[in-house]
Amino acid sequence: MSAERVEEVKEAAEAGVATAGGAVETQSAAAGLTYYPIAPGVRLNVRSGPATSYPIVKVLPEGTRVPIFCQSPGTSVTGPYGTTNIWDNIADSQFVSDAYVRTGSDGYIAPRCD
C-alpha cells in the first residue's frame, strides 16, 4: 500500500462514525490505533487541556469514534459513563472527558500523558 493510500485510510479512520449498537472499540489496521465511541446523542467538546477550564478547540459530532493516545487526571466530570477525573488525549493538545467515551473501563486504559 502506498504511503498516500495509508494516509487516506488513516484520515478516514480518524473521522470514523459509530453505528448504532456498535462495538466498544474498533481497530484501524492502517494506523494501528483503537477507536472508542463517544456517548450516543452527544456532541462532545474537545479542550486544549485536561480540565473544563481549558478552551474548547472543537466540537465532535454525534457518532464520532476517537483514539486515546494517553490519559491524564484533571477536573472531575459527570457524564453518561459515570463521574471521573480522567481525560483522554485524542490528538495533540486535544482532550475529552472519559465520562463521555465508552472504553469499557472506569479506570485508565492508556498510559498517563507526560
PDB file of N, CA and C in Angstrom:
ATOM      1  N   MET A   1       0.855  -1.170   0.000  1.00  0.00           N
ATOM      2  CA  MET A   1       0.000   0.000   0.000  1.00  0.00           C
ATOM      3  C   MET A   1       0.897   1.228   0.000  1.00  0.00           C
ATOM      4  N   SER A   2       0.578   2.180  -0.834  1.00  0.00           N
ATOM      5  CA  SER A   2       1.395   3.382  -0.927  1.00  0.00           C
ATOM      6  C   SER A   2       1.230   4.238   0.319  1.00  0.00           C
ATOM      7  N   ALA A   3       2.228   5.081   0.560  1.00  0.00           N
ATOM      8  CA  ALA A   3       2.165   5.988   1.712  1.00  0.00           C
ATOM      9  C   ALA A   3       0.962   6.908   1.591  1.00  0.00           C
ATOM     10  N   GLU A   4       0.646   7.311   0.361  1.00  0.00           N
ATOM     11  CA  GLU A   4      -0.508   8.176   0.139  1.00  0.00           C
ATOM     12  C   GLU A   4      -1.809   7.464   0.535  1.00  0.00           C
ATOM     13  N   ARG A   5      -1.939   6.205   0.144  1.00  0.00           N
ATOM     14  CA  ARG A   5      -3.144   5.428   0.455  1.00  0.00           C
ATOM     15  C   ARG A   5      -3.255   5.181   1.959  1.00  0.00           C
ATOM     16  N   VAL A   6      -2.119   4.895   2.620  1.00  0.00           N
ATOM     17  CA  VAL A   6      -2.130   4.706   4.072  1.00  0.00           C
ATOM     18  C   VAL A   6      -2.651   5.959   4.749  1.00  0.00           C
ATOM     19  N   GLU A   7      -2.216   7.129   4.302  1.00  0.00           N
ATOM     20  CA  GLU A   7      -2.668   8.393   4.885  1.00  0.00           C
ATOM     21  C   GLU A   7      -4.166   8.585   4.667  1.00  0.00           C
ATOM     22  N   GLU A   8      -4.667   8.213   3.459  1.00  0.00           N
ATOM     23  CA  GLU A   8      -6.103   8.332   3.193  1.00  0.00           C
ATOM     24  C   GLU A   8      -6.901   7.435   4.129  1.00  0.00           C
ATOM     25  N   VAL A   9      -6.449   6.193   4.319  1.00  0.00           N
ATOM     26  CA  VAL A   9      -7.144   5.254   5.192  1.00  0.00           C
ATOM     27  C   VAL A   9      -7.097   5.753   6.628  1.00  0.00           C
ATOM     28  N   LYS A  10      -5.940   6.278   7.051  1.00  0.00           N
ATOM     29  CA  LYS A  10      -5.800   6.798   8.409  1.00  0.00           C
ATOM     30  C   LYS A  10      -6.764   7.960   8.636  1.00  0.00           C
ATOM     31  N   GLU A  11      -6.845   8.880   7.677  1.00  0.00           N
ATOM     32  CA  GLU A  11      -7.749  10.025   7.820  1.00  0.00           C
ATOM     33  C   GLU A  11      -9.198   9.565   7.887  1.00  0.00           C
ATOM     34  N   ALA A  12      -9.554   8.582   7.070  1.00  0.00           N
ATOM     35  CA  ALA A  12     -10.922   8.073   7.083  1.00  0.00           C
ATOM     36  C   ALA A  12     -11.235   7.433   8.433  1.00  0.00           C
ATOM     37  N   ALA A  13     -10.276   6.691   8.985  1.00  0.00           N
ATOM     38  CA  ALA A  13     -10.491   6.048  10.280  1.00  0.00           C
ATOM     39  C   ALA A  13     -10.630   7.080  11.385  1.00  0.00           C
ATOM     40  N   GLU A  14      -9.824   8.152  11.322  1.00  0.00           N
ATOM     41  CA  GLU A  14      -9.887   9.180  12.351  1.00  0.00           C
ATOM     42  C   GLU A  14     -11.217   9.909  12.320  1.00  0.00           C
ATOM     43  N   ALA A  15     -11.847   9.958  11.160  1.00  0.00           N
ATOM     44  CA  ALA A  15     -13.147  10.608  11.038  1.00  0.00           C
ATOM     45  C   ALA A  15     -14.269   9.587  11.170  1.00  0.00           C
ATOM     46  N   GLY A  16     -13.925   8.366  11.588  1.00  0.00           N
ATOM     47  CA  GLY A  16     -14.873   7.257  11.658  1.00  0.00           C
ATOM     48  C   GLY A  16     -16.136   7.601  12.416  1.00  0.00           C
ATOM     49  N   VAL A  17     -17.244   7.014  11.957  1.00  0.00           N
ATOM     50  CA  VAL A  17     -18.537   7.253  12.583  1.00  0.00           C
ATOM     51  C   VAL A  17     -19.036   5.941  13.162  1.00  0.00           C
ATOM     52  N   ALA A  18     -19.519   5.983  14.373  1.00  0.00           N
ATOM     53  CA  ALA A  18     -20.030   4.782  15.032  1.00  0.00           C
ATOM     54  C   ALA A  18     -21.385   4.423  14.469  1.00  0.00           C
ATOM     55  N   THR A  19     -21.678   3.135  14.444  1.00  0.00           N
ATOM     56  CA  THR A  19     -23.004   2.692  14.069  1.00  0.00           C
ATOM     57  C   THR A  19     -23.773   2.413  15.353  1.00  0.00           C
ATOM     58  N   ALA A  20     -25.092   2.493  15.265  1.00  0.00           N
ATOM     59  CA  ALA A  20     -25.914   2.249  16.448  1.00  0.00           C
ATOM     60  C   ALA A  20     -25.628   0.855  16.977  1.00  0.00           C
ATOM     61  N   GLY A  21     -25.378   0.746  18.276  1.00  0.00           N
ATOM     62  CA  GLY A  21     -25.102  -0.539  18.892  1.00  0.00           C
ATOM     63  C   GLY A  21     -23.735  -1.103  18.533  1.00  0.00           C
ATOM     64  N   GLY A  22     -22.829  -0.252  18.057  1.00  0.00           N
ATOM     65  CA  GLY A  22     -21.505  -0.704  17.642  1.00  0.00           C
ATOM     66  C   GLY A  22     -20.686  -1.238  18.806  1.00  0.00           C
ATOM     67  N   ALA A  23     -19.604  -1.875  18.468  1.00  0.00           N
ATOM     68  CA  ALA A  23     -18.716  -2.446  19.478  1.00  0.00           C
ATOM     69  C   ALA A  23     -18.088  -1.348  20.319  1.00  0.00           C
ATOM     70  N   VAL A  24     -17.529  -1.758  21.458  1.00  0.00           N
ATOM     71  CA  VAL A  24     -16.885  -0.805  22.355  1.00  0.00           C
ATOM     72  C   VAL A  24     -15.718  -0.128  21.652  1.00  0.00           C
ATOM     73  N   GLU A  25     -15.025  -0.855  20.792  1.00  0.00           N
ATOM     74  CA  GLU A  25     -13.871  -0.282  20.129  1.00  0.00           C
ATOM     75  C   GLU A  25     -13.739  -0.850  18.725  1.00  0.00           C
ATOM     76  N   THR A  26     -13.013  -0.151  17.881  1.00  0.00           N
ATOM     77  CA  THR A  26     -12.698  -0.649  16.551  1.00  0.00           C
ATOM     78  C   THR A  26     -11.210  -0.470  16.331  1.00  0.00           C
ATOM     79  N   GLN A  27     -10.675  -1.291  15.468  1.00  0.00           N
ATOM     80  CA  GLN A  27      -9.256  -1.202  15.147  1.00  0.00           C
ATOM     81  C   GLN A  27      -9.097  -0.579  13.773  1.00  0.00           C
ATOM     82  N   SER A  28      -8.125   0.286  13.632  1.00  0.00           N
ATOM     83  CA  SER A  28      -7.748   0.829  12.341  1.00  0.00           C
ATOM     84  C   SER A  28      -6.473   0.106  11.928  1.00  0.00           C
ATOM     85  N   ALA A  29      -6.579  -0.765  10.951  1.00  0.00           N
ATOM     86  CA  ALA A  29      -5.423  -1.558  10.526  1.00  0.00           C
ATOM     87  C   ALA A  29      -4.303  -0.664  10.011  1.00  0.00           C
ATOM     88  N   ALA A  30      -4.668   0.375   9.266  1.00  0.00           N
ATOM     89  CA  ALA A  30      -3.640   1.244   8.680  1.00  0.00           C
ATOM     90  C   ALA A  30      -2.881   2.008   9.750  1.00  0.00           C
ATOM     91  N   ALA A  31      -3.603   2.534  10.725  1.00  0.00           N
ATOM     92  CA  ALA A  31      -2.959   3.362  11.737  1.00  0.00           C
ATOM     93  C   ALA A  31      -2.523   2.555  12.957  1.00  0.00           C
ATOM     94  N   GLY A  32      -3.068   1.337  13.127  1.00  0.00           N
ATOM     95  CA  GLY A  32      -2.734   0.532  14.297  1.00  0.00           C
ATOM     96  C   GLY A  32      -3.290   1.112  15.582  1.00  0.00           C
ATOM     97  N   LEU A  33      -4.366   1.867  15.497  1.00  0.00           N
ATOM     98  CA  LEU A  33      -4.964   2.513  16.657  1.00  0.00           C
ATOM     99  C   LEU A  33      -6.320   1.902  16.977  1.00  0.00           C
ATOM    100  N   THR A  34      -6.703   1.969  18.241  1.00  0.00           N
ATOM    101  CA  THR A  34      -8.038   1.569  18.663  1.00  0.00           C
ATOM    102  C   THR A  34      -8.875   2.829  18.798  1.00  0.00           C
ATOM    103  N   TYR A  35     -10.100   2.783  18.278  1.00  0.00           N
ATOM    104  CA  TYR A  35     -11.010   3.922  18.341  1.00  0.00           C
ATOM    105  C   TYR A  35     -12.189   3.569  19.239  1.00  0.00           C
ATOM    106  N   TYR A  36     -12.571   4.486  20.107  1.00  0.00           N
ATOM    107  CA  TYR A  36     -13.647   4.291  21.072  1.00  0.00           C
ATOM    108  C   TYR A  36     -14.791   5.245  20.756  1.00  0.00           C
ATOM    109  N   PRO A  37     -16.052   4.778  20.860  1.00  0.00           N
ATOM    110  CA  PRO A  37     -17.189   5.656  20.555  1.00  0.00           C
ATOM    111  C   PRO A  37     -17.489   6.628  21.690  1.00  0.00           C
ATOM    112  N   ILE A  38     -17.891   7.839  21.294  1.00  0.00           N
ATOM    113  CA  ILE A  38     -18.392   8.769  22.309  1.00  0.00           C
ATOM    114  C   ILE A  38     -19.853   8.408  22.561  1.00  0.00           C
ATOM    115  N   ALA A  39     -20.398   8.876  23.671  1.00  0.00           N
ATOM    116  CA  ALA A  39     -21.761   8.526  24.073  1.00  0.00           C
ATOM    117  C   ALA A  39     -22.763   8.885  22.979  1.00  0.00           C
ATOM    118  N   PRO A  40     -23.760   8.017  22.782  1.00  0.00           N
ATOM    119  CA  PRO A  40     -24.783   8.286  21.770  1.00  0.00           C
ATOM    120  C   PRO A  40     -25.519   9.594  22.039  1.00  0.00           C
ATOM    121  N   GLY A  41     -25.817  10.313  20.976  1.00  0.00           N
ATOM    122  CA  GLY A  41     -26.579  11.555  21.092  1.00  0.00           C
ATOM    123  C   GLY A  41     -25.809  12.730  21.658  1.00  0.00           C
ATOM    124  N   VAL A  42     -24.478  12.603  21.741  1.00  0.00           N
ATOM    125  CA  VAL A  42     -23.660  13.660  22.347  1.00  0.00           C
ATOM    126  C   VAL A  42     -22.787  14.344  21.299  1.00  0.00           C
ATOM    127  N   ARG A  43     -22.782  15.667  21.339  1.00  0.00           N
ATOM    128  CA  ARG A  43     -21.788  16.467  20.619  1.00  0.00           C
ATOM    129  C   ARG A  43     -20.781  16.868  21.685  1.00  0.00           C
ATOM    130  N   LEU A  44     -19.545  16.377  21.551  1.00  0.00           N
ATOM    131  CA  LEU A  44     -18.581  16.457  22.638  1.00  0.00           C
ATOM    132  C   LEU A  44     -17.560  17.577  22.457  1.00  0.00           C
ATOM    133  N   ASN A  45     -17.428  18.409  23.508  1.00  0.00           N
ATOM    134  CA  ASN A  45     -16.417  19.471  23.500  1.00  0.00           C
ATOM    135  C   ASN A  45     -15.023  18.866  23.620  1.00  0.00           C
ATOM    136  N   VAL A  46     -14.123  19.328  22.769  1.00  0.00           N
ATOM    137  CA  VAL A  46     -12.713  18.947  22.832  1.00  0.00           C
ATOM    138  C   VAL A  46     -11.964  20.156  23.368  1.00  0.00           C
ATOM    139  N   ARG A  47     -11.180  19.952  24.401  1.00  0.00           N
ATOM    140  CA  ARG A  47     -10.480  21.058  25.055  1.00  0.00           C
ATOM    141  C   ARG A  47      -8.978  20.954  24.848  1.00  0.00           C
ATOM    142  N   SER A  48      -8.288  22.058  25.028  1.00  0.00           N
ATOM    143  CA  SER A  48      -6.841  22.102  24.801  1.00  0.00           C
ATOM    144  C   SER A  48      -6.039  21.489  25.950  1.00  0.00           C
ATOM    145  N   GLY A  49      -6.698  21.148  27.043  1.00  0.00           N
ATOM    146  CA  GLY A  49      -6.042  20.519  28.187  1.00  0.00           C
ATOM    147  C   GLY A  49      -7.042  19.704  28.977  1.00  0.00           C
ATOM    148  N   PRO A  50      -6.583  18.978  29.999  1.00  0.00           N
ATOM    149  CA  PRO A  50      -7.437  18.047  30.743  1.00  0.00           C
ATOM    150  C   PRO A  50      -8.265  18.685  31.863  1.00  0.00           C
ATOM    151  N   ALA A  51      -9.056  19.672  31.514  1.00  0.00           N
ATOM    152  CA  ALA A  51      -9.922  20.319  32.506  1.00  0.00           C
ATOM    153  C   ALA A  51     -10.955  21.176  31.786  1.00  0.00           C
ATOM    154  N   THR A  52     -12.075  21.422  32.451  1.00  0.00           N
ATOM    155  CA  THR A  52     -13.119  22.256  31.855  1.00  0.00           C
ATOM    156  C   THR A  52     -12.710  23.724  31.773  1.00  0.00           C
ATOM    157  N   SER A  53     -11.647  24.087  32.451  1.00  0.00           N
ATOM    158  CA  SER A  53     -11.167  25.476  32.391  1.00  0.00           C
ATOM    159  C   SER A  53     -10.363  25.764  31.121  1.00  0.00           C
ATOM    160  N   TYR A  54      -9.959  24.718  30.402  1.00  0.00           N
ATOM    161  CA  TYR A  54      -9.228  24.921  29.141  1.00  0.00           C
ATOM    162  C   TYR A  54     -10.209  25.308  28.044  1.00  0.00           C
ATOM    163  N   PRO A  55      -9.742  26.083  27.062  1.00  0.00           N
ATOM    164  CA  PRO A  55     -10.638  26.487  25.975  1.00  0.00           C
ATOM    165  C   PRO A  55     -11.081  25.302  25.116  1.00  0.00           C
ATOM    166  N   ILE A  56     -12.285  25.426  24.568  1.00  0.00           N
ATOM    167  CA  ILE A  56     -12.794  24.434  23.617  1.00  0.00           C
ATOM    168  C   ILE A  56     -12.111  24.697  22.279  1.00  0.00           C
ATOM    169  N   VAL A  57     -11.504  23.644  21.697  1.00  0.00           N
ATOM    170  CA  VAL A  57     -10.822  23.805  20.411  1.00  0.00           C
ATOM    171  C   VAL A  57     -11.674  23.321  19.243  1.00  0.00           C
ATOM    172  N   LYS A  58     -12.624  22.414  19.540  1.00  0.00           N
ATOM    173  CA  LYS A  58     -13.582  21.968  18.526  1.00  0.00           C
ATOM    174  C   LYS A  58     -14.665  21.155  19.215  1.00  0.00           C
ATOM    175  N   VAL A  59     -15.698  20.819  18.473  1.00  0.00           N
ATOM    176  CA  VAL A  59     -16.788  20.002  18.984  1.00  0.00           C
ATOM    177  C   VAL A  59     -16.923  18.785  18.067  1.00  0.00           C
ATOM    178  N   LEU A  60     -16.919  17.594  18.667  1.00  0.00           N
ATOM    179  CA  LEU A  60     -17.070  16.371  17.886  1.00  0.00           C
ATOM    180  C   LEU A  60     -18.550  16.106  17.626  1.00  0.00           C
ATOM    181  N   PRO A  61     -18.903  15.743  16.412  1.00  0.00           N
ATOM    182  CA  PRO A  61     -20.305  15.443  16.109  1.00  0.00           C
ATOM    183  C   PRO A  61     -20.738  14.104  16.711  1.00  0.00           C
ATOM    184  N   GLU A  62     -22.055  13.912  16.800  1.00  0.00           N
ATOM    185  CA  GLU A  62     -22.605  12.649  17.291  1.00  0.00           C
ATOM    186  C   GLU A  62     -22.050  11.497  16.457  1.00  0.00           C
ATOM    187  N   GLY A  63     -21.799  10.375  17.129  1.00  0.00           N
ATOM    188  CA  GLY A  63     -21.359   9.176  16.422  1.00  0.00           C
ATOM    189  C   GLY A  63     -19.866   9.082  16.161  1.00  0.00           C
ATOM    190  N   THR A  64     -19.096  10.024  16.658  1.00  0.00           N
ATOM    191  CA  THR A  64     -17.656  10.013  16.426  1.00  0.00           C
ATOM    192  C   THR A  64     -16.977   8.946  17.272  1.00  0.00           C
ATOM    193  N   ARG A  65     -15.919   8.363  16.732  1.00  0.00           N
ATOM    194  CA  ARG A  65     -15.034   7.455  17.477  1.00  0.00           C
ATOM    195  C   ARG A  65     -13.691   8.148  17.595  1.00  0.00           C
ATOM    196  N   VAL A  66     -13.045   7.972  18.746  1.00  0.00           N
ATOM    197  CA  VAL A  66     -11.778   8.668  18.984  1.00  0.00           C
ATOM    198  C   VAL A  66     -10.686   7.691  19.411  1.00  0.00           C
ATOM    199  N   PRO A  67      -9.441   7.977  19.008  1.00  0.00           N
ATOM    200  CA  PRO A  67      -8.316   7.215  19.545  1.00  0.00           C
ATOM    201  C   PRO A  67      -7.952   7.790  20.905  1.00  0.00           C
ATOM    202  N   ILE A  68      -7.316   7.012  21.754  1.00  0.00           N
ATOM    203  CA  ILE A  68      -6.814   7.522  23.031  1.00  0.00           C
ATOM    204  C   ILE A  68      -5.318   7.244  23.068  1.00  0.00           C
ATOM    205  N   PHE A  69      -4.533   8.309  22.952  1.00  0.00           N
ATOM    206  CA  PHE A  69      -3.078   8.167  22.929  1.00  0.00           C
ATOM    207  C   PHE A  69      -2.501   8.057  24.338  1.00  0.00           C
ATOM    208  N   CYS A  70      -3.087   8.826  25.265  1.00  0.00           N
ATOM    209  CA  CYS A  70      -2.685   8.780  26.662  1.00  0.00           C
ATOM    210  C   CYS A  70      -3.820   9.388  27.470  1.00  0.00           C
ATOM    211  N   GLN A  71      -3.739   9.269  28.790  1.00  0.00           N
ATOM    212  CA  GLN A  71      -4.778   9.810  29.664  1.00  0.00           C
ATOM    213  C   GLN A  71      -4.130  10.596  30.793  1.00  0.00           C
ATOM    214  N   SER A  72      -4.880  11.587  31.269  1.00  0.00           N
ATOM    215  CA  SER A  72      -4.351  12.487  32.282  1.00  0.00           C
ATOM    216  C   SER A  72      -5.431  12.793  33.325  1.00  0.00           C
ATOM    217  N   PRO A  73      -5.051  12.938  34.592  1.00  0.00           N
ATOM    218  CA  PRO A  73      -6.034  13.383  35.579  1.00  0.00           C
ATOM    219  C   PRO A  73      -6.332  14.869  35.378  1.00  0.00           C
ATOM    220  N   GLY A  74      -7.554  15.244  35.658  1.00  0.00           N
ATOM    221  CA  GLY A  74      -7.951  16.652  35.510  1.00  0.00           C
ATOM    222  C   GLY A  74      -9.212  16.907  36.303  1.00  0.00           C
ATOM    223  N   THR A  75     -10.016  17.857  35.840  1.00  0.00           N
ATOM    224  CA  THR A  75     -11.266  18.168  36.549  1.00  0.00           C
ATOM    225  C   THR A  75     -12.210  16.976  36.487  1.00  0.00           C
ATOM    226  N   SER A  76     -12.954  16.794  37.546  1.00  0.00           N
ATOM    227  CA  SER A  76     -13.942  15.725  37.604  1.00  0.00           C
ATOM    228  C   SER A  76     -15.176  16.129  36.804  1.00  0.00           C
ATOM    229  N   VAL A  77     -15.670  15.193  35.990  1.00  0.00           N
ATOM    230  CA  VAL A  77     -16.821  15.452  35.121  1.00  0.00           C
ATOM    231  C   VAL A  77     -17.784  14.278  35.257  1.00  0.00           C
ATOM    232  N   THR A  78     -19.089  14.582  35.265  1.00  0.00           N
ATOM    233  CA  THR A  78     -20.112  13.543  35.263  1.00  0.00           C
ATOM    234  C   THR A  78     -20.734  13.486  33.881  1.00  0.00           C
ATOM    235  N   GLY A  79     -20.817  12.279  33.334  1.00  0.00           N
ATOM    236  CA  GLY A  79     -21.390  12.081  32.009  1.00  0.00           C
ATOM    237  C   GLY A  79     -22.103  10.750  31.934  1.00  0.00           C
ATOM    238  N   PRO A  80     -22.444  10.310  30.737  1.00  0.00           N
ATOM    239  CA  PRO A  80     -23.187   9.056  30.562  1.00  0.00           C
ATOM    240  C   PRO A  80     -22.470   7.823  31.114  1.00  0.00           C
ATOM    241  N   TYR A  81     -21.148   7.874  31.191  1.00  0.00           N
ATOM    242  CA  TYR A  81     -20.380   6.715  31.666  1.00  0.00           C
ATOM    243  C   TYR A  81     -19.818   6.935  33.070  1.00  0.00           C
ATOM    244  N   GLY A  82     -20.501   7.761  33.859  1.00  0.00           N
ATOM    245  CA  GLY A  82     -20.125   7.951  35.255  1.00  0.00           C
ATOM    246  C   GLY A  82     -19.432   9.266  35.525  1.00  0.00           C
ATOM    247  N   THR A  83     -18.872   9.363  36.718  1.00  0.00           N
ATOM    248  CA  THR A  83     -18.120  10.540  37.139  1.00  0.00           C
ATOM    249  C   THR A  83     -16.657  10.158  37.196  1.00  0.00           C
ATOM    250  N   THR A  84     -15.811  10.961  36.570  1.00  0.00           N
ATOM    251  CA  THR A  84     -14.384  10.646  36.524  1.00  0.00           C
ATOM    252  C   THR A  84     -13.557  11.915  36.396  1.00  0.00           C
ATOM    253  N   ASN A  85     -12.304  11.813  36.793  1.00  0.00           N
ATOM    254  CA  ASN A  85     -11.365  12.917  36.571  1.00  0.00           C
ATOM    255  C   ASN A  85     -10.351  12.540  35.486  1.00  0.00           C
ATOM    256  N   ILE A  86     -10.615  11.437  34.771  1.00  0.00           N
ATOM    257  CA  ILE A  86      -9.722  11.001  33.689  1.00  0.00           C
ATOM    258  C   ILE A  86     -10.084  11.741  32.403  1.00  0.00           C
ATOM    259  N   TRP A  87      -9.053  12.273  31.754  1.00  0.00           N
ATOM    260  CA  TRP A  87      -9.213  12.952  30.475  1.00  0.00           C
ATOM    261  C   TRP A  87      -8.399  12.215  29.418  1.00  0.00           C
ATOM    262  N   ASP A  88      -9.016  12.007  28.250  1.00  0.00           N
ATOM    263  CA  ASP A  88      -8.398  11.264  27.157  1.00  0.00           C
ATOM    264  C   ASP A  88      -7.767  12.212  26.150  1.00  0.00           C
ATOM    265  N   ASN A  89      -6.500  11.978  25.846  1.00  0.00           N
ATOM    266  CA  ASN A  89      -5.805  12.754  24.822  1.00  0.00           C
ATOM    267  C   ASN A  89      -6.096  12.103  23.472  1.00  0.00           C
ATOM    268  N   ILE A  90      -6.827  12.808  22.600  1.00  0.00           N
ATOM    269  CA  ILE A  90      -7.243  12.236  21.319  1.00  0.00           C
ATOM    270  C   ILE A  90      -6.430  12.767  20.144  1.00  0.00           C
ATOM    271  N   ALA A  91      -5.639  13.785  20.369  1.00  0.00           N
ATOM    272  CA  ALA A  91      -4.749  14.365  19.364  1.00  0.00           C
ATOM    273  C   ALA A  91      -3.854  15.360  20.091  1.00  0.00           C
ATOM    274  N   ASP A  92      -2.918  15.949  19.387  1.00  0.00           N
ATOM    275  CA  ASP A  92      -2.004  16.903  20.001  1.00  0.00           C
ATOM    276  C   ASP A  92      -2.787  18.060  20.615  1.00  0.00           C
ATOM    277  N   SER A  93      -2.659  18.236  21.929  1.00  0.00           N
ATOM    278  CA  SER A  93      -3.349  19.307  22.679  1.00  0.00           C
ATOM    279  C   SER A  93      -4.866  19.247  22.524  1.00  0.00           C
ATOM    280  N   GLN A  94      -5.421  18.018  22.458  1.00  0.00           N
ATOM    281  CA  GLN A  94      -6.871  17.839  22.376  1.00  0.00           C
ATOM    282  C   GLN A  94      -7.299  16.763  23.369  1.00  0.00           C
ATOM    283  N   PHE A  95      -8.166  17.164  24.315  1.00  0.00           N
ATOM    284  CA  PHE A  95      -8.605  16.271  25.384  1.00  0.00           C
ATOM    285  C   PHE A  95     -10.126  16.256  25.476  1.00  0.00           C
ATOM    286  N   VAL A  96     -10.664  15.077  25.820  1.00  0.00           N
ATOM    287  CA  VAL A  96     -12.091  14.931  26.120  1.00  0.00           C
ATOM    288  C   VAL A  96     -12.221  14.190  27.445  1.00  0.00           C
ATOM    289  N   SER A  97     -13.296  14.460  28.163  1.00  0.00           N
ATOM    290  CA  SER A  97     -13.527  13.758  29.419  1.00  0.00           C
ATOM    291  C   SER A  97     -13.870  12.303  29.132  1.00  0.00           C
ATOM    292  N   ASP A  98     -13.252  11.397  29.891  1.00  0.00           N
ATOM    293  CA  ASP A  98     -13.506   9.961  29.745  1.00  0.00           C
ATOM    294  C   ASP A  98     -14.939   9.604  30.131  1.00  0.00           C
ATOM    295  N   ALA A  99     -15.649  10.499  30.810  1.00  0.00           N
ATOM    296  CA  ALA A  99     -17.048  10.256  31.186  1.00  0.00           C
ATOM    297  C   ALA A  99     -17.954  10.179  29.961  1.00  0.00           C
ATOM    298  N   TYR A 100     -17.454  10.605  28.798  1.00  0.00           N
ATOM    299  CA  TYR A 100     -18.231  10.604  27.558  1.00  0.00           C
ATOM    300  C   TYR A 100     -17.696   9.620  26.526  1.00  0.00           C
ATOM    301  N   VAL A 101     -16.693   8.821  26.892  1.00  0.00           N
ATOM    302  CA  VAL A 101     -16.089   7.882  25.948  1.00  0.00           C
ATOM    303  C   VAL A 101     -16.287   6.461  26.472  1.00  0.00           C
ATOM    304  N   ARG A 102     -16.856   5.576  25.632  1.00  0.00           N
ATOM    305  CA  ARG A 102     -17.122   4.205  26.054  1.00  0.00           C
ATOM    306  C   ARG A 102     -15.857   3.362  25.880  1.00  0.00           C
ATOM    307  N   THR A 103     -15.090   3.254  26.959  1.00  0.00           N
ATOM    308  CA  THR A 103     -13.843   2.479  26.922  1.00  0.00           C
ATOM    309  C   THR A 103     -14.033   1.080  27.498  1.00  0.00           C
ATOM    310  N   GLY A 104     -15.133   0.859  28.214  1.00  0.00           N
ATOM    311  CA  GLY A 104     -15.352  -0.427  28.853  1.00  0.00           C
ATOM    312  C   GLY A 104     -14.670  -0.537  30.204  1.00  0.00           C
ATOM    313  N   SER A 105     -14.148   0.583  30.718  1.00  0.00           N
ATOM    314  CA  SER A 105     -13.442   0.579  31.993  1.00  0.00           C
ATOM    315  C   SER A 105     -13.708   1.875  32.750  1.00  0.00           C
ATOM    316  N   ASP A 106     -13.671   1.804  34.070  1.00  0.00           N
ATOM    317  CA  ASP A 106     -13.792   3.002  34.897  1.00  0.00           C
ATOM    318  C   ASP A 106     -12.432   3.589  35.233  1.00  0.00           C
ATOM    319  N   GLY A 107     -11.370   2.907  34.821  1.00  0.00           N
ATOM    320  CA  GLY A 107     -10.015   3.361  35.126  1.00  0.00           C
ATOM    321  C   GLY A 107      -9.225   3.702  33.882  1.00  0.00           C
ATOM    322  N   TYR A 108      -7.930   3.814  34.063  1.00  0.00           N
ATOM    323  CA  TYR A 108      -7.041   4.133  32.955  1.00  0.00           C
ATOM    324  C   TYR A 108      -6.912   2.940  32.009  1.00  0.00           C
ATOM    325  N   ILE A 109      -6.958   3.196  30.712  1.00  0.00           N
ATOM    326  CA  ILE A 109      -6.785   2.144  29.710  1.00  0.00           C
ATOM    327  C   ILE A 109      -5.596   2.441  28.802  1.00  0.00           C
ATOM    328  N   ALA A 110      -4.968   3.582  29.036  1.00  0.00           N
ATOM    329  CA  ALA A 110      -3.821   4.012  28.231  1.00  0.00           C
ATOM    330  C   ALA A 110      -2.768   4.586  29.184  1.00  0.00           C
ATOM    331  N   PRO A 111      -1.539   4.729  28.704  1.00  0.00           N
ATOM    332  CA  PRO A 111      -0.516   5.333  29.564  1.00  0.00           C
ATOM    333  C   PRO A 111      -0.876   6.747  29.977  1.00  0.00           C
ATOM    334  N   ARG A 112      -0.346   7.207  31.090  1.00  0.00           N
ATOM    335  CA  ARG A 112      -0.553   8.590  31.512  1.00  0.00           C
ATOM    336  C   ARG A 112       0.241   9.514  30.599  1.00  0.00           C
ATOM    337  N   CYS A 113      -0.352  10.662  30.305  1.00  0.00           N
ATOM    338  CA  CYS A 113       0.332  11.658  29.473  1.00  0.00           C
ATOM    339  C   CYS A 113       1.494  12.252  30.270  1.00  0.00           C
ATOM    340  N   ASP A 114       2.571  12.566  29.572  1.00  0.00           N
ATOM    341  CA  ASP A 114       3.733  13.201  30.228  1.00  0.00           C
ATOM    342  C   ASP A 114       3.489  14.659  30.475  1.00  0.00           C
TER     343      ASP A 114
END
